[in-house]
Amino acid sequence: MKHRIITLFALWAISCLSFAAGPRSVPLVTTKPVKVTAADARGPIFHTMTAVKDQGPDGPATDVLLARSKDGKVESGLYSAGPSEQDIGSYPEDEFMFFIEGGVKLTSLDGDVLSVGVGEGVAIPRGWKGHWSTQGYKKYYVTYNSRSSK
């Protein structure tokens, strides 16, 4: 089942994106696919030249952009974040994420709680409001931002 979800995710991403030359190069909009091995996703990819480290609301975080659509509205990559607790006033974009380590607990304003962990995916719609809680995680992600034109 895990491989089926990853395969579906990969097929969807391929159909939506023009891919970068590879995870160890500068992310460019091209027509070549990007492969990330399971071993790279567990750690080494977060130490490449394209890894962007940040200390923001997600705690210590690293983002590795793998691909961006030509219009800049769709992006995919890997993301690693430390522990964090934050209220979300309005989620900024549509996002699908698939966790390869750790997880997240999402509490909607109406009190519904959704816990997502290793080997599971979740889609968060733009505008979602609630509380985000995590002890840290690594994830694959695909985002869609209708307002973007990078």
C-alpha atoms as a PDB file:
ATOM      1  CA  MET A   1       0.000   0.000   0.000  1.00  0.00           C
ATOM      2  CA  LYS A   2       2.849   2.398   0.895  1.00  0.00           C
ATOM      3  CA  HIS A   3       4.449   1.897  -2.520  1.00  0.00           C
ATOM      4  CA  ARG A   4       1.085   2.423  -4.241  1.00  0.00           C
ATOM      5  CA  ILE A   5       0.637   5.797  -2.490  1.00  0.00           C
ATOM      6  CA  ILE A   6       4.167   6.903  -3.389  1.00  0.00           C
ATOM      7  CA  THR A   7       3.665   5.736  -7.002  1.00  0.00           C
ATOM      8  CA  LEU A   8       0.363   7.623  -7.281  1.00  0.00           C
ATOM      9  CA  PHE A   9       1.990  10.678  -5.736  1.00  0.00           C
ATOM     10  CA  ALA A  10       4.896  10.467  -8.214  1.00  0.00           C
ATOM     11  CA  LEU A  11       2.597  10.041 -11.206  1.00  0.00           C
ATOM     12  CA  TRP A  12       0.499  13.016 -10.115  1.00  0.00           C
ATOM     13  CA  ALA A  13       3.583  15.162  -9.610  1.00  0.00           C
ATOM     14  CA  ILE A  14       5.018  14.155 -13.001  1.00  0.00           C
ATOM     15  CA  SER A  15       1.775  15.053 -14.735  1.00  0.00           C
ATOM     16  CA  CYS A  16       1.656  18.483 -13.067  1.00  0.00           C
ATOM     17  CA  LEU A  17       5.254  19.625 -13.138  1.00  0.00           C
ATOM     18  CA  SER A  18       8.246  20.333 -15.289  1.00  0.00           C
ATOM     19  CA  PHE A  19      11.073  18.869 -13.252  1.00  0.00           C
ATOM     20  CA  ALA A  20      14.454  20.142 -12.154  1.00  0.00           C
ATOM     21  CA  ALA A  21      17.704  18.607 -13.308  1.00  0.00           C
ATOM     22  CA  GLY A  22      18.166  16.844  -9.969  1.00  0.00           C
ATOM     23  CA  PRO A  23      18.216  17.262  -6.206  1.00  0.00           C
ATOM     24  CA  ARG A  24      21.888  18.223  -6.165  1.00  0.00           C
ATOM     25  CA  SER A  25      21.533  21.024  -8.703  1.00  0.00           C
ATOM     26  CA  VAL A  26      19.869  24.421  -8.658  1.00  0.00           C
ATOM     27  CA  PRO A  27      16.098  23.914  -9.105  1.00  0.00           C
ATOM     28  CA  LEU A  28      15.249  24.784 -12.684  1.00  0.00           C
ATOM     29  CA  VAL A  29      12.097  24.430 -14.721  1.00  0.00           C
ATOM     30  CA  THR A  30      12.966  21.727 -17.259  1.00  0.00           C
ATOM     31  CA  THR A  31      11.354  18.667 -18.768  1.00  0.00           C
ATOM     32  CA  LYS A  32      13.444  16.049 -16.960  1.00  0.00           C
ATOM     33  CA  PRO A  33      12.197  13.940 -14.044  1.00  0.00           C
ATOM     34  CA  VAL A  34      13.850  14.057 -10.629  1.00  0.00           C
ATOM     35  CA  LYS A  35      14.583  10.864  -8.722  1.00  0.00           C
ATOM     36  CA  VAL A  36      15.008  10.792  -4.969  1.00  0.00           C
ATOM     37  CA  THR A  37      16.068   7.504  -3.429  1.00  0.00           C
ATOM     38  CA  ALA A  38      14.655   6.394  -0.099  1.00  0.00           C
ATOM     39  CA  ALA A  39      18.159   6.571   1.373  1.00  0.00           C
ATOM     40  CA  ASP A  40      18.631  10.192   0.192  1.00  0.00           C
ATOM     41  CA  ALA A  41      15.200  11.213   1.517  1.00  0.00           C
ATOM     42  CA  ARG A  42      16.073   9.918   4.995  1.00  0.00           C
ATOM     43  CA  GLY A  43      18.839  12.472   5.377  1.00  0.00           C
ATOM     44  CA  PRO A  44      21.528  13.137   2.769  1.00  0.00           C
ATOM     45  CA  ILE A  45      19.293  15.272   0.524  1.00  0.00           C
ATOM     46  CA  PHE A  46      18.879  17.751   3.396  1.00  0.00           C
ATOM     47  CA  HIS A  47      22.631  18.458   3.257  1.00  0.00           C
ATOM     48  CA  THR A  48      22.867  19.247  -0.475  1.00  0.00           C
ATOM     49  CA  MET A  49      23.696  22.630  -1.996  1.00  0.00           C
ATOM     50  CA  THR A  50      20.014  23.297  -2.759  1.00  0.00           C
ATOM     51  CA  ALA A  51      18.852  22.688   0.829  1.00  0.00           C
ATOM     52  CA  VAL A  52      17.567  25.922   2.374  1.00  0.00           C
ATOM     53  CA  LYS A  53      17.804  26.059   6.155  1.00  0.00           C
ATOM     54  CA  ASP A  54      15.477  28.306   8.148  1.00  0.00           C
ATOM     55  CA  GLN A  55      14.496  29.075  11.739  1.00  0.00           C
ATOM     56  CA  GLY A  56      10.845  30.060  11.432  1.00  0.00           C
ATOM     57  CA  PRO A  57       7.449  29.064  12.809  1.00  0.00           C
ATOM     58  CA  ASP A  58       8.258  25.398  12.025  1.00  0.00           C
ATOM     59  CA  GLY A  59      11.293  25.544  14.316  1.00  0.00           C
ATOM     60  CA  PRO A  60      14.580  24.528  12.705  1.00  0.00           C
ATOM     61  CA  ALA A  61      13.612  23.561   9.155  1.00  0.00           C
ATOM     62  CA  THR A  62      15.214  22.557   5.858  1.00  0.00           C
ATOM     63  CA  ASP A  63      13.471  22.802   2.478  1.00  0.00           C
ATOM     64  CA  VAL A  64      14.760  21.040  -0.642  1.00  0.00           C
ATOM     65  CA  LEU A  65      12.850  22.253  -3.683  1.00  0.00           C
ATOM     66  CA  LEU A  66      12.876  19.592  -6.392  1.00  0.00           C
ATOM     67  CA  ALA A  67      10.629  21.146  -9.000  1.00  0.00           C
ATOM     68  CA  ARG A  68       8.546  24.188  -9.833  1.00  0.00           C
ATOM     69  CA  SER A  69       5.964  24.490 -12.598  1.00  0.00           C
ATOM     70  CA  LYS A  70       6.637  27.007 -15.364  1.00  0.00           C
ATOM     71  CA  ASP A  71       4.003  29.376 -13.971  1.00  0.00           C
ATOM     72  CA  GLY A  72       5.394  29.029 -10.421  1.00  0.00           C
ATOM     73  CA  LYS A  73       2.088  27.803  -9.000  1.00  0.00           C
ATOM     74  CA  VAL A  74       3.061  24.183  -8.290  1.00  0.00           C
ATOM     75  CA  GLU A  75       6.133  23.135  -6.306  1.00  0.00           C
ATOM     76  CA  SER A  76       7.361  19.812  -4.981  1.00  0.00           C
ATOM     77  CA  GLY A  77      10.179  18.825  -2.701  1.00  0.00           C
ATOM     78  CA  LEU A  78      11.191  17.487   0.667  1.00  0.00           C
ATOM     79  CA  TYR A  79      10.929  19.315   3.956  1.00  0.00           C
ATOM     80  CA  SER A  80      12.341  18.606   7.390  1.00  0.00           C
ATOM     81  CA  ALA A  81      11.158  20.465  10.486  1.00  0.00           C
ATOM     82  CA  GLY A  82      11.721  20.360  14.216  1.00  0.00           C
ATOM     83  CA  PRO A  83       9.189  20.537  17.020  1.00  0.00           C
ATOM     84  CA  SER A  84       6.592  23.293  16.756  1.00  0.00           C
ATOM     85  CA  GLU A  85       3.195  24.417  17.979  1.00  0.00           C
ATOM     86  CA  GLN A  86       1.367  27.066  16.011  1.00  0.00           C
ATOM     87  CA  ASP A  87      -2.079  28.407  15.317  1.00  0.00           C
ATOM     88  CA  ILE A  88      -2.857  28.658  11.619  1.00  0.00           C
ATOM     89  CA  GLY A  89      -5.062  31.657  10.780  1.00  0.00           C
ATOM     90  CA  SER A  90      -5.375  30.656   7.116  1.00  0.00           C
ATOM     91  CA  TYR A  91      -3.247  27.998   5.396  1.00  0.00           C
ATOM     92  CA  PRO A  92      -1.531  29.848   2.525  1.00  0.00           C
ATOM     93  CA  GLU A  93      -1.807  27.219  -0.253  1.00  0.00           C
ATOM     94  CA  ASP A  94      -3.199  23.821  -1.158  1.00  0.00           C
ATOM     95  CA  GLU A  95      -0.711  21.183  -0.041  1.00  0.00           C
ATOM     96  CA  PHE A  96      -0.354  17.417  -0.206  1.00  0.00           C
ATOM     97  CA  MET A  97       2.264  15.966   2.139  1.00  0.00           C
ATOM     98  CA  PHE A  98       3.501  12.415   2.684  1.00  0.00           C
ATOM     99  CA  PHE A  99       5.427  11.763   5.902  1.00  0.00           C
ATOM    100  CA  ILE A 100       8.629   9.709   5.856  1.00  0.00           C
ATOM    101  CA  GLU A 101       9.552  10.470   9.490  1.00  0.00           C
ATOM    102  CA  GLY A 102       7.592  11.873  12.408  1.00  0.00           C
ATOM    103  CA  GLY A 103       4.175  13.366  11.855  1.00  0.00           C
ATOM    104  CA  VAL A 104       1.766  16.145  12.676  1.00  0.00           C
ATOM    105  CA  LYS A 105      -1.431  16.637  14.658  1.00  0.00           C
ATOM    106  CA  LEU A 106      -3.924  18.992  13.008  1.00  0.00           C
ATOM    107  CA  THR A 107      -6.796  20.378  15.082  1.00  0.00           C
ATOM    108  CA  SER A 108      -9.418  22.241  13.053  1.00  0.00           C
ATOM    109  CA  LEU A 109     -11.302  25.187  14.548  1.00  0.00           C
ATOM    110  CA  ASP A 110     -14.397  22.984  14.950  1.00  0.00           C
ATOM    111  CA  GLY A 111     -12.386  20.626  17.205  1.00  0.00           C
ATOM    112  CA  ASP A 112     -11.809  17.795  14.706  1.00  0.00           C
ATOM    113  CA  VAL A 113      -8.369  16.256  15.288  1.00  0.00           C
ATOM    114  CA  LEU A 114      -6.368  14.524  12.568  1.00  0.00           C
ATOM    115  CA  SER A 115      -3.075  12.797  13.374  1.00  0.00           C
ATOM    116  CA  VAL A 116      -0.857  11.918  10.419  1.00  0.00           C
ATOM    117  CA  GLY A 117       2.284   9.812  10.761  1.00  0.00           C
ATOM    118  CA  VAL A 118       4.970   7.879   8.896  1.00  0.00           C
ATOM    119  CA  GLY A 119       3.706   6.322   5.672  1.00  0.00           C
ATOM    120  CA  GLU A 120       0.589   8.481   5.624  1.00  0.00           C
ATOM    121  CA  GLY A 121      -0.416  11.433   3.490  1.00  0.00           C
ATOM    122  CA  VAL A 122      -2.697  14.377   4.071  1.00  0.00           C
ATOM    123  CA  ALA A 123      -4.118  17.134   1.878  1.00  0.00           C
ATOM    124  CA  ILE A 124      -4.620  20.543   3.474  1.00  0.00           C
ATOM    125  CA  PRO A 125      -6.782  23.029   1.573  1.00  0.00           C
ATOM    126  CA  ARG A 126      -5.820  26.680   1.218  1.00  0.00           C
ATOM    127  CA  GLY A 127      -7.626  28.676   3.888  1.00  0.00           C
ATOM    128  CA  TRP A 128      -7.719  25.860   6.502  1.00  0.00           C
ATOM    129  CA  LYS A 129      -7.774  27.237  10.042  1.00  0.00           C
ATOM    130  CA  GLY A 130      -6.661  25.415  13.135  1.00  0.00           C
ATOM    131  CA  HIS A 131      -3.716  24.327  15.250  1.00  0.00           C
ATOM    132  CA  TRP A 132      -0.561  22.547  14.024  1.00  0.00           C
ATOM    133  CA  SER A 133       1.441  20.454  16.503  1.00  0.00           C
ATOM    134  CA  THR A 134       4.506  18.308  15.825  1.00  0.00           C
ATOM    135  CA  GLN A 135       7.542  16.803  17.514  1.00  0.00           C
ATOM    136  CA  GLY A 136       9.314  17.068  14.145  1.00  0.00           C
ATOM    137  CA  TYR A 137       9.059  15.369  10.756  1.00  0.00           C
ATOM    138  CA  LYS A 138      10.364  14.797   7.241  1.00  0.00           C
ATOM    139  CA  LYS A 139       7.935  14.877   4.356  1.00  0.00           C
ATOM    140  CA  TYR A 140       7.535  14.930   0.610  1.00  0.00           C
ATOM    141  CA  TYR A 141       5.260  17.772  -0.439  1.00  0.00           C
ATOM    142  CA  VAL A 142       3.420  19.168  -3.441  1.00  0.00           C
ATOM    143  CA  THR A 143       1.901  22.636  -3.155  1.00  0.00           C
ATOM    144  CA  TYR A 144      -0.416  24.610  -5.380  1.00  0.00           C
ATOM    145  CA  ASN A 145      -0.694  28.369  -4.990  1.00  0.00           C
ATOM    146  CA  SER A 146      -3.153  29.900  -7.469  1.00  0.00           C
ATOM    147  CA  ARG A 147      -1.825  33.387  -6.685  1.00  0.00           C
ATOM    148  CA  SER A 148       1.816  32.619  -7.361  1.00  0.00           C
ATOM    149  CA  SER A 149       3.698  33.532 -10.526  1.00  0.00           C
ATOM    150  CA  LYS A 150       7.369  33.077  -9.502  1.00  0.00           C
END
